Amino acid sequence: MTDRRFHIRGLTRDGRTFRPSDWAERLAGAMASFRPGGGSGGIAAYIGYSPYCVPQLIDGVKCVLVSDALRGIEPMAWDFVMNFARDNELQVSEVEPGARP
């Protein structure tokens, strides 16, 4: 079974740009400790993003690529990310299997 991935786009359902401008980095930063094998602890725990929640820029729009694997590791973290998107009326779409992130 392949891992499902989703893009949370920095556009609301009605097409407005979501603010603040660093929302994607903040959201991914909050998820940085959720990694394969768990958090490493120490100073390394704060370097880099989790592979399950990565900020991206697609066609000039800030996005966050979220892996469904996050749900298996920590369901509350998954719920936090998806509820953030829902509560802020952000566009969410599934990434086609085999598509580049």
PDB file of N, CA and C in Angstrom:
ATOM      1  N   MET A   1       0.843  -1.184   0.000  1.00  0.00           N
ATOM      2  CA  MET A   1       0.000   0.000   0.000  1.00  0.00           C
ATOM      3  C   MET A   1       0.889   1.249   0.000  1.00  0.00           C
ATOM      4  N   THR A   2       0.573   2.170  -0.866  1.00  0.00           N
ATOM      5  CA  THR A   2       1.371   3.393  -0.929  1.00  0.00           C
ATOM      6  C   THR A   2       0.834   4.427   0.045  1.00  0.00           C
ATOM      7  N   ASP A   3       1.716   5.271   0.436  1.00  0.00           N
ATOM      8  CA  ASP A   3       1.385   6.353   1.342  1.00  0.00           C
ATOM      9  C   ASP A   3       0.588   7.414   0.588  1.00  0.00           C
ATOM     10  N   ARG A   4      -0.534   7.824   1.148  1.00  0.00           N
ATOM     11  CA  ARG A   4      -1.318   8.904   0.544  1.00  0.00           C
ATOM     12  C   ARG A   4      -0.742  10.233   1.014  1.00  0.00           C
ATOM     13  N   ARG A   5      -0.722  11.214   0.115  1.00  0.00           N
ATOM     14  CA  ARG A   5      -0.205  12.540   0.432  1.00  0.00           C
ATOM     15  C   ARG A   5      -1.230  13.591   0.027  1.00  0.00           C
ATOM     16  N   PHE A   6      -1.220  14.692   0.767  1.00  0.00           N
ATOM     17  CA  PHE A   6      -2.184  15.758   0.533  1.00  0.00           C
ATOM     18  C   PHE A   6      -1.469  17.103   0.509  1.00  0.00           C
ATOM     19  N   HIS A   7      -1.932  17.983  -0.359  1.00  0.00           N
ATOM     20  CA  HIS A   7      -1.450  19.362  -0.370  1.00  0.00           C
ATOM     21  C   HIS A   7      -2.484  20.227   0.325  1.00  0.00           C
ATOM     22  N   ILE A   8      -2.019  20.999   1.284  1.00  0.00           N
ATOM     23  CA  ILE A   8      -2.827  22.053   1.868  1.00  0.00           C
ATOM     24  C   ILE A   8      -2.307  23.332   1.229  1.00  0.00           C
ATOM     25  N   ARG A   9      -3.156  23.960   0.432  1.00  0.00           N
ATOM     26  CA  ARG A   9      -2.748  25.159  -0.303  1.00  0.00           C
ATOM     27  C   ARG A   9      -3.054  26.411   0.505  1.00  0.00           C
ATOM     28  N   GLY A  10      -2.214  27.399   0.363  1.00  0.00           N
ATOM     29  CA  GLY A  10      -2.375  28.663   1.059  1.00  0.00           C
ATOM     30  C   GLY A  10      -3.394  29.570   0.412  1.00  0.00           C
ATOM     31  N   LEU A  11      -4.453  28.975  -0.089  1.00  0.00           N
ATOM     32  CA  LEU A  11      -5.575  29.711  -0.658  1.00  0.00           C
ATOM     33  C   LEU A  11      -6.843  29.226   0.028  1.00  0.00           C
ATOM     34  N   THR A  12      -7.709  30.170   0.382  1.00  0.00           N
ATOM     35  CA  THR A  12      -8.978  29.778   0.970  1.00  0.00           C
ATOM     36  C   THR A  12      -9.891  29.239  -0.128  1.00  0.00           C
ATOM     37  N   ARG A  13     -10.992  28.637   0.285  1.00  0.00           N
ATOM     38  CA  ARG A  13     -11.922  28.070  -0.699  1.00  0.00           C
ATOM     39  C   ARG A  13     -12.423  29.110  -1.691  1.00  0.00           C
ATOM     40  N   ASP A  14     -12.465  30.381  -1.257  1.00  0.00           N
ATOM     41  CA  ASP A  14     -12.918  31.428  -2.183  1.00  0.00           C
ATOM     42  C   ASP A  14     -11.762  32.107  -2.926  1.00  0.00           C
ATOM     43  N   GLY A  15     -10.545  31.525  -2.816  1.00  0.00           N
ATOM     44  CA  GLY A  15      -9.418  31.988  -3.619  1.00  0.00           C
ATOM     45  C   GLY A  15      -8.534  33.058  -3.001  1.00  0.00           C
ATOM     46  N   ARG A  16      -8.815  33.485  -1.763  1.00  0.00           N
ATOM     47  CA  ARG A  16      -7.971  34.501  -1.122  1.00  0.00           C
ATOM     48  C   ARG A  16      -6.674  33.877  -0.607  1.00  0.00           C
ATOM     49  N   THR A  17      -5.596  34.640  -0.659  1.00  0.00           N
ATOM     50  CA  THR A  17      -4.311  34.191  -0.131  1.00  0.00           C
ATOM     51  C   THR A  17      -4.389  34.162   1.384  1.00  0.00           C
ATOM     52  N   PHE A  18      -3.970  33.048   1.979  1.00  0.00           N
ATOM     53  CA  PHE A  18      -4.014  32.904   3.431  1.00  0.00           C
ATOM     54  C   PHE A  18      -2.848  33.643   4.062  1.00  0.00           C
ATOM     55  N   ARG A  19      -3.090  34.292   5.171  1.00  0.00           N
ATOM     56  CA  ARG A  19      -2.080  35.024   5.930  1.00  0.00           C
ATOM     57  C   ARG A  19      -2.023  34.466   7.333  1.00  0.00           C
ATOM     58  N   PRO A  20      -0.893  34.533   8.004  1.00  0.00           N
ATOM     59  CA  PRO A  20       0.329  35.255   7.670  1.00  0.00           C
ATOM     60  C   PRO A  20       1.115  34.533   6.576  1.00  0.00           C
ATOM     61  N   SER A  21       2.035  35.240   5.980  1.00  0.00           N
ATOM     62  CA  SER A  21       2.762  34.702   4.833  1.00  0.00           C
ATOM     63  C   SER A  21       3.652  33.516   5.190  1.00  0.00           C
ATOM     64  N   ASP A  22       3.996  33.345   6.455  1.00  0.00           N
ATOM     65  CA  ASP A  22       4.843  32.210   6.850  1.00  0.00           C
ATOM     66  C   ASP A  22       4.050  31.070   7.489  1.00  0.00           C
ATOM     67  N   TRP A  23       2.752  30.992   7.190  1.00  0.00           N
ATOM     68  CA  TRP A  23       1.902  29.975   7.799  1.00  0.00           C
ATOM     69  C   TRP A  23       2.402  28.561   7.525  1.00  0.00           C
ATOM     70  N   ALA A  24       2.889  28.291   6.305  1.00  0.00           N
ATOM     71  CA  ALA A  24       3.317  26.938   5.940  1.00  0.00           C
ATOM     72  C   ALA A  24       4.533  26.503   6.764  1.00  0.00           C
ATOM     73  N   GLU A  25       5.477  27.406   6.919  1.00  0.00           N
ATOM     74  CA  GLU A  25       6.668  27.097   7.708  1.00  0.00           C
ATOM     75  C   GLU A  25       6.313  26.902   9.179  1.00  0.00           C
ATOM     76  N   ARG A  26       5.387  27.703   9.679  1.00  0.00           N
ATOM     77  CA  ARG A  26       4.954  27.567  11.075  1.00  0.00           C
ATOM     78  C   ARG A  26       4.263  26.234  11.311  1.00  0.00           C
ATOM     79  N   LEU A  27       3.348  25.872  10.412  1.00  0.00           N
ATOM     80  CA  LEU A  27       2.619  24.613  10.563  1.00  0.00           C
ATOM     81  C   LEU A  27       3.574  23.426  10.480  1.00  0.00           C
ATOM     82  N   ALA A  28       4.446  23.430   9.475  1.00  0.00           N
ATOM     83  CA  ALA A  28       5.416  22.333   9.332  1.00  0.00           C
ATOM     84  C   ALA A  28       6.381  22.305  10.514  1.00  0.00           C
ATOM     85  N   GLY A  29       6.760  23.469  11.014  1.00  0.00           N
ATOM     86  CA  GLY A  29       7.643  23.537  12.168  1.00  0.00           C
ATOM     87  C   GLY A  29       7.013  22.920  13.408  1.00  0.00           C
ATOM     88  N   ALA A  30       5.705  23.122  13.571  1.00  0.00           N
ATOM     89  CA  ALA A  30       5.002  22.534  14.715  1.00  0.00           C
ATOM     90  C   ALA A  30       4.983  21.011  14.635  1.00  0.00           C
ATOM     91  N   MET A  31       5.116  20.465  13.435  1.00  0.00           N
ATOM     92  CA  MET A  31       5.085  19.010  13.238  1.00  0.00           C
ATOM     93  C   MET A  31       6.489  18.402  13.111  1.00  0.00           C
ATOM     94  N   ALA A  32       7.535  19.216  13.279  1.00  0.00           N
ATOM     95  CA  ALA A  32       8.912  18.780  13.027  1.00  0.00           C
ATOM     96  C   ALA A  32       9.356  17.587  13.865  1.00  0.00           C
ATOM     97  N   SER A  33       8.799  17.418  15.029  1.00  0.00           N
ATOM     98  CA  SER A  33       9.253  16.310  15.884  1.00  0.00           C
ATOM     99  C   SER A  33       8.659  14.967  15.495  1.00  0.00           C
ATOM    100  N   PHE A  34       7.677  14.947  14.617  1.00  0.00           N
ATOM    101  CA  PHE A  34       7.069  13.684  14.191  1.00  0.00           C
ATOM    102  C   PHE A  34       7.843  13.141  12.995  1.00  0.00           C
ATOM    103  N   ARG A  35       8.706  12.160  13.282  1.00  0.00           N
ATOM    104  CA  ARG A  35       9.639  11.625  12.292  1.00  0.00           C
ATOM    105  C   ARG A  35       9.636  10.107  12.341  1.00  0.00           C
ATOM    106  N   PRO A  36      10.143   9.478  11.284  1.00  0.00           N
ATOM    107  CA  PRO A  36      10.286   8.017  11.334  1.00  0.00           C
ATOM    108  C   PRO A  36      11.149   7.634  12.532  1.00  0.00           C
ATOM    109  N   GLY A  37      10.709   6.694  13.304  1.00  0.00           N
ATOM    110  CA  GLY A  37      11.476   6.257  14.461  1.00  0.00           C
ATOM    111  C   GLY A  37      11.317   7.161  15.661  1.00  0.00           C
ATOM    112  N   GLY A  38      10.438   8.170  15.588  1.00  0.00           N
ATOM    113  CA  GLY A  38      10.212   9.076  16.712  1.00  0.00           C
ATOM    114  C   GLY A  38      11.198  10.224  16.719  1.00  0.00           C
ATOM    115  N   GLY A  39      11.014  11.111  17.664  1.00  0.00           N
ATOM    116  CA  GLY A  39      11.893  12.277  17.794  1.00  0.00           C
ATOM    117  C   GLY A  39      13.271  11.852  18.247  1.00  0.00           C
ATOM    118  N   SER A  40      14.281  12.542  17.746  1.00  0.00           N
ATOM    119  CA  SER A  40      15.657  12.187  18.096  1.00  0.00           C
ATOM    120  C   SER A  40      16.095  12.830  19.396  1.00  0.00           C
ATOM    121  N   GLY A  41      15.372  13.831  19.855  1.00  0.00           N
ATOM    122  CA  GLY A  41      15.744  14.513  21.087  1.00  0.00           C
ATOM    123  C   GLY A  41      16.958  15.393  20.876  1.00  0.00           C
ATOM    124  N   GLY A  42      17.298  16.171  21.879  1.00  0.00           N
ATOM    125  CA  GLY A  42      18.465  17.039  21.796  1.00  0.00           C
ATOM    126  C   GLY A  42      18.300  18.118  20.749  1.00  0.00           C
ATOM    127  N   ILE A  43      19.405  18.754  20.411  1.00  0.00           N
ATOM    128  CA  ILE A  43      19.362  19.864  19.465  1.00  0.00           C
ATOM    129  C   ILE A  43      18.934  19.421  18.061  1.00  0.00           C
ATOM    130  N   ALA A  44      19.204  18.181  17.672  1.00  0.00           N
ATOM    131  CA  ALA A  44      18.837  17.688  16.345  1.00  0.00           C
ATOM    132  C   ALA A  44      17.325  17.661  16.144  1.00  0.00           C
ATOM    133  N   ALA A  45      16.570  17.621  17.228  1.00  0.00           N
ATOM    134  CA  ALA A  45      15.113  17.588  17.117  1.00  0.00           C
ATOM    135  C   ALA A  45      14.569  18.882  16.522  1.00  0.00           C
ATOM    136  N   TYR A  46      15.348  19.933  16.511  1.00  0.00           N
ATOM    137  CA  TYR A  46      14.869  21.228  16.044  1.00  0.00           C
ATOM    138  C   TYR A  46      15.411  21.607  14.673  1.00  0.00           C
ATOM    139  N   ILE A  47      16.161  20.721  14.052  1.00  0.00           N
ATOM    140  CA  ILE A  47      16.764  21.024  12.761  1.00  0.00           C
ATOM    141  C   ILE A  47      15.984  20.309  11.669  1.00  0.00           C
ATOM    142  N   GLY A  48      15.378  21.054  10.793  1.00  0.00           N
ATOM    143  CA  GLY A  48      14.680  20.479   9.654  1.00  0.00           C
ATOM    144  C   GLY A  48      13.232  20.150   9.941  1.00  0.00           C
ATOM    145  N   TYR A  49      12.523  19.833   8.875  1.00  0.00           N
ATOM    146  CA  TYR A  49      11.111  19.497   8.946  1.00  0.00           C
ATOM    147  C   TYR A  49      10.936  17.994   8.963  1.00  0.00           C
ATOM    148  N   SER A  50       9.810  17.559   9.449  1.00  0.00           N
ATOM    149  CA  SER A  50       9.447  16.159   9.389  1.00  0.00           C
ATOM    150  C   SER A  50       9.179  15.787   7.927  1.00  0.00           C
ATOM    151  N   PRO A  51       9.536  14.592   7.505  1.00  0.00           N
ATOM    152  CA  PRO A  51       9.202  14.188   6.131  1.00  0.00           C
ATOM    153  C   PRO A  51       7.698  14.001   5.935  1.00  0.00           C
ATOM    154  N   TYR A  52       6.944  14.026   7.020  1.00  0.00           N
ATOM    155  CA  TYR A  52       5.490  13.848   6.943  1.00  0.00           C
ATOM    156  C   TYR A  52       4.730  15.153   6.791  1.00  0.00           C
ATOM    157  N   CYS A  53       5.418  16.281   6.923  1.00  0.00           N
ATOM    158  CA  CYS A  53       4.744  17.586   6.859  1.00  0.00           C
ATOM    159  C   CYS A  53       5.776  18.624   6.411  1.00  0.00           C
ATOM    160  N   VAL A  54       5.780  18.928   5.110  1.00  0.00           N
ATOM    161  CA  VAL A  54       6.843  19.729   4.515  1.00  0.00           C
ATOM    162  C   VAL A  54       6.263  20.959   3.802  1.00  0.00           C
ATOM    163  N   PRO A  55       6.786  22.147   4.107  1.00  0.00           N
ATOM    164  CA  PRO A  55       6.321  23.330   3.375  1.00  0.00           C
ATOM    165  C   PRO A  55       6.870  23.324   1.949  1.00  0.00           C
ATOM    166  N   GLN A  56       6.074  23.835   1.029  1.00  0.00           N
ATOM    167  CA  GLN A  56       6.477  23.895  -0.381  1.00  0.00           C
ATOM    168  C   GLN A  56       5.909  25.165  -1.006  1.00  0.00           C
ATOM    169  N   LEU A  57       6.462  25.516  -2.156  1.00  0.00           N
ATOM    170  CA  LEU A  57       5.940  26.603  -2.966  1.00  0.00           C
ATOM    171  C   LEU A  57       5.565  25.995  -4.309  1.00  0.00           C
ATOM    172  N   ILE A  58       4.291  26.034  -4.640  1.00  0.00           N
ATOM    173  CA  ILE A  58       3.816  25.445  -5.897  1.00  0.00           C
ATOM    174  C   ILE A  58       3.078  26.510  -6.682  1.00  0.00           C
ATOM    175  N   ASP A  59       3.586  26.795  -7.867  1.00  0.00           N
ATOM    176  CA  ASP A  59       2.995  27.827  -8.730  1.00  0.00           C
ATOM    177  C   ASP A  59       2.821  29.143  -7.978  1.00  0.00           C
ATOM    178  N   GLY A  60       3.814  29.484  -7.144  1.00  0.00           N
ATOM    179  CA  GLY A  60       3.788  30.739  -6.414  1.00  0.00           C
ATOM    180  C   GLY A  60       2.883  30.762  -5.193  1.00  0.00           C
ATOM    181  N   VAL A  61       2.318  29.608  -4.838  1.00  0.00           N
ATOM    182  CA  VAL A  61       1.408  29.524  -3.690  1.00  0.00           C
ATOM    183  C   VAL A  61       2.054  28.676  -2.604  1.00  0.00           C
ATOM    184  N   LYS A  62       2.092  29.203  -1.372  1.00  0.00           N
ATOM    185  CA  LYS A  62       2.605  28.430  -0.243  1.00  0.00           C
ATOM    186  C   LYS A  62       1.684  27.243  -0.004  1.00  0.00           C
ATOM    187  N   CYS A  63       2.295  26.073   0.230  1.00  0.00           N
ATOM    188  CA  CYS A  63       1.561  24.841   0.484  1.00  0.00           C
ATOM    189  C   CYS A  63       2.278  24.048   1.559  1.00  0.00           C
ATOM    190  N   VAL A  64       1.584  23.062   2.096  1.00  0.00           N
ATOM    191  CA  VAL A  64       2.207  22.081   2.969  1.00  0.00           C
ATOM    192  C   VAL A  64       1.843  20.715   2.418  1.00  0.00           C
ATOM    193  N   LEU A  65       2.854  19.889   2.197  1.00  0.00           N
ATOM    194  CA  LEU A  65       2.649  18.516   1.766  1.00  0.00           C
ATOM    195  C   LEU A  65       2.570  17.662   3.028  1.00  0.00           C
ATOM    196  N   VAL A  66       1.438  16.989   3.214  1.00  0.00           N
ATOM    197  CA  VAL A  66       1.203  16.190   4.418  1.00  0.00           C
ATOM    198  C   VAL A  66       1.036  14.734   4.014  1.00  0.00           C
ATOM    199  N   SER A  67       1.782  13.870   4.680  1.00  0.00           N
ATOM    200  CA  SER A  67       1.697  12.440   4.431  1.00  0.00           C
ATOM    201  C   SER A  67       0.691  11.802   5.381  1.00  0.00           C
ATOM    202  N   ASP A  68      -0.104  10.892   4.851  1.00  0.00           N
ATOM    203  CA  ASP A  68      -1.056  10.141   5.655  1.00  0.00           C
ATOM    204  C   ASP A  68      -0.344   9.269   6.696  1.00  0.00           C
ATOM    205  N   ALA A  69       0.962   9.046   6.514  1.00  0.00           N
ATOM    206  CA  ALA A  69       1.736   8.280   7.497  1.00  0.00           C
ATOM    207  C   ALA A  69       1.730   8.986   8.852  1.00  0.00           C
ATOM    208  N   LEU A  70       1.567  10.306   8.856  1.00  0.00           N
ATOM    209  CA  LEU A  70       1.506  11.049  10.113  1.00  0.00           C
ATOM    210  C   LEU A  70       0.351  10.541  10.971  1.00  0.00           C
ATOM    211  N   ARG A  71      -0.756  10.173  10.332  1.00  0.00           N
ATOM    212  CA  ARG A  71      -1.922   9.665  11.068  1.00  0.00           C
ATOM    213  C   ARG A  71      -1.578   8.385  11.812  1.00  0.00           C
ATOM    214  N   GLY A  72      -0.762   7.532  11.187  1.00  0.00           N
ATOM    215  CA  GLY A  72      -0.362   6.286  11.828  1.00  0.00           C
ATOM    216  C   GLY A  72       0.605   6.483  12.981  1.00  0.00           C
ATOM    217  N   ILE A  73       1.417   7.513  12.886  1.00  0.00           N
ATOM    218  CA  ILE A  73       2.404   7.790  13.933  1.00  0.00           C
ATOM    219  C   ILE A  73       1.759   8.509  15.111  1.00  0.00           C
ATOM    220  N   GLU A  74       0.973   9.535  14.809  1.00  0.00           N
ATOM    221  CA  GLU A  74       0.330  10.324  15.866  1.00  0.00           C
ATOM    222  C   GLU A  74      -0.990  10.898  15.352  1.00  0.00           C
ATOM    223  N   PRO A  75      -2.093  10.185  15.605  1.00  0.00           N
ATOM    224  CA  PRO A  75      -3.397  10.645  15.101  1.00  0.00           C
ATOM    225  C   PRO A  75      -3.762  12.068  15.529  1.00  0.00           C
ATOM    226  N   MET A  76      -3.343  12.480  16.716  1.00  0.00           N
ATOM    227  CA  MET A  76      -3.680  13.842  17.160  1.00  0.00           C
ATOM    228  C   MET A  76      -2.931  14.891  16.336  1.00  0.00           C
ATOM    229  N   ALA A  77      -1.715  14.593  15.898  1.00  0.00           N
ATOM    230  CA  ALA A  77      -0.961  15.513  15.040  1.00  0.00           C
ATOM    231  C   ALA A  77      -1.653  15.619  13.679  1.00  0.00           C
ATOM    232  N   TRP A  78      -2.075  14.484  13.139  1.00  0.00           N
ATOM    233  CA  TRP A  78      -2.816  14.468  11.870  1.00  0.00           C
ATOM    234  C   TRP A  78      -4.079  15.327  11.993  1.00  0.00           C
ATOM    235  N   ASP A  79      -4.832  15.107  13.066  1.00  0.00           N
ATOM    236  CA  ASP A  79      -6.052  15.872  13.282  1.00  0.00           C
ATOM    237  C   ASP A  79      -5.755  17.367  13.396  1.00  0.00           C
ATOM    238  N   PHE A  80      -4.675  17.720  14.073  1.00  0.00           N
ATOM    239  CA  PHE A  80      -4.296  19.123  14.222  1.00  0.00           C
ATOM    240  C   PHE A  80      -4.077  19.769  12.858  1.00  0.00           C
ATOM    241  N   VAL A  81      -3.311  19.102  12.002  1.00  0.00           N
ATOM    242  CA  VAL A  81      -2.994  19.655  10.676  1.00  0.00           C
ATOM    243  C   VAL A  81      -4.253  19.767   9.823  1.00  0.00           C
ATOM    244  N   MET A  82      -5.045  18.714   9.788  1.00  0.00           N
ATOM    245  CA  MET A  82      -6.233  18.733   8.940  1.00  0.00           C
ATOM    246  C   MET A  82      -7.308  19.682   9.489  1.00  0.00           C
ATOM    247  N   ASN A  83      -7.415  19.767  10.803  1.00  0.00           N
ATOM    248  CA  ASN A  83      -8.361  20.725  11.388  1.00  0.00           C
ATOM    249  C   ASN A  83      -7.911  22.160  11.143  1.00  0.00           C
ATOM    250  N   PHE A  84      -6.605  22.402  11.131  1.00  0.00           N
ATOM    251  CA  PHE A  84      -6.081  23.723  10.791  1.00  0.00           C
ATOM    252  C   PHE A  84      -6.559  24.117   9.394  1.00  0.00           C
ATOM    253  N   ALA A  85      -6.421  23.186   8.453  1.00  0.00           N
ATOM    254  CA  ALA A  85      -6.852  23.459   7.077  1.00  0.00           C
ATOM    255  C   ALA A  85      -8.356  23.703   7.020  1.00  0.00           C
ATOM    256  N   ARG A  86      -9.117  22.858   7.689  1.00  0.00           N
ATOM    257  CA  ARG A  86     -10.572  23.008   7.668  1.00  0.00           C
ATOM    258  C   ARG A  86     -11.018  24.310   8.339  1.00  0.00           C
ATOM    259  N   ASP A  87     -10.480  24.585   9.523  1.00  0.00           N
ATOM    260  CA  ASP A  87     -10.888  25.775  10.276  1.00  0.00           C
ATOM    261  C   ASP A  87     -10.561  27.070   9.537  1.00  0.00           C
ATOM    262  N   ASN A  88      -9.510  27.052   8.739  1.00  0.00           N
ATOM    263  CA  ASN A  88      -9.099  28.245   7.980  1.00  0.00           C
ATOM    264  C   ASN A  88      -9.590  28.218   6.541  1.00  0.00           C
ATOM    265  N   GLU A  89     -10.437  27.232   6.234  1.00  0.00           N
ATOM    266  CA  GLU A  89     -11.047  27.081   4.908  1.00  0.00           C
ATOM    267  C   GLU A  89     -10.012  27.025   3.792  1.00  0.00           C
ATOM    268  N   LEU A  90      -8.899  26.316   4.055  1.00  0.00           N
ATOM    269  CA  LEU A  90      -7.854  26.180   3.047  1.00  0.00           C
ATOM    270  C   LEU A  90      -8.187  25.042   2.087  1.00  0.00           C
ATOM    271  N   GLN A  91      -7.688  25.173   0.877  1.00  0.00           N
ATOM    272  CA  GLN A  91      -7.900  24.145  -0.141  1.00  0.00           C
ATOM    273  C   GLN A  91      -7.006  22.943   0.160  1.00  0.00           C
ATOM    274  N   VAL A  92      -7.592  21.753   0.145  1.00  0.00           N
ATOM    275  CA  VAL A  92      -6.859  20.506   0.379  1.00  0.00           C
ATOM    276  C   VAL A  92      -7.145  19.574  -0.788  1.00  0.00           C
ATOM    277  N   SER A  93      -6.092  18.983  -1.334  1.00  0.00           N
ATOM    278  CA  SER A  93      -6.272  18.024  -2.425  1.00  0.00           C
ATOM    279  C   SER A  93      -5.291  16.877  -2.262  1.00  0.00           C
ATOM    280  N   GLU A  94      -5.727  15.710  -2.679  1.00  0.00           N
ATOM    281  CA  GLU A  94      -4.847  14.548  -2.612  1.00  0.00           C
ATOM    282  C   GLU A  94      -3.869  14.607  -3.778  1.00  0.00           C
ATOM    283  N   VAL A  95      -2.629  14.260  -3.492  1.00  0.00           N
ATOM    284  CA  VAL A  95      -1.590  14.206  -4.523  1.00  0.00           C
ATOM    285  C   VAL A  95      -1.721  12.863  -5.234  1.00  0.00           C
ATOM    286  N   GLU A  96      -1.742  12.905  -6.538  1.00  0.00           N
ATOM    287  CA  GLU A  96      -1.862  11.682  -7.319  1.00  0.00           C
ATOM    288  C   GLU A  96      -0.706  10.747  -7.018  1.00  0.00           C
ATOM    289  N   PRO A  97      -0.972   9.439  -6.862  1.00  0.00           N
ATOM    290  CA  PRO A  97       0.131   8.489  -6.634  1.00  0.00           C
ATOM    291  C   PRO A  97       1.154   8.581  -7.771  1.00  0.00           C
ATOM    292  N   GLY A  98       2.411   8.590  -7.406  1.00  0.00           N
ATOM    293  CA  GLY A  98       3.486   8.665  -8.380  1.00  0.00           C
ATOM    294  C   GLY A  98       3.828  10.082  -8.818  1.00  0.00           C
ATOM    295  N   ALA A  99       3.010  11.065  -8.424  1.00  0.00           N
ATOM    296  CA  ALA A  99       3.305  12.454  -8.782  1.00  0.00           C
ATOM    297  C   ALA A  99       4.441  12.970  -7.936  1.00  0.00           C
ATOM    298  N   ARG A 100       5.241  13.846  -8.509  1.00  0.00           N
ATOM    299  CA  ARG A 100       6.325  14.469  -7.746  1.00  0.00           C
ATOM    300  C   ARG A 100       5.710  15.379  -6.701  1.00  0.00           C
ATOM    301  N   PRO A 101       6.335  15.480  -5.525  1.00  0.00           N
ATOM    302  CA  PRO A 101       5.775  16.322  -4.464  1.00  0.00           C
ATOM    303  C   PRO A 101       5.780  17.787  -4.782  1.00  0.00           C
TER     304      PRO A 101
END
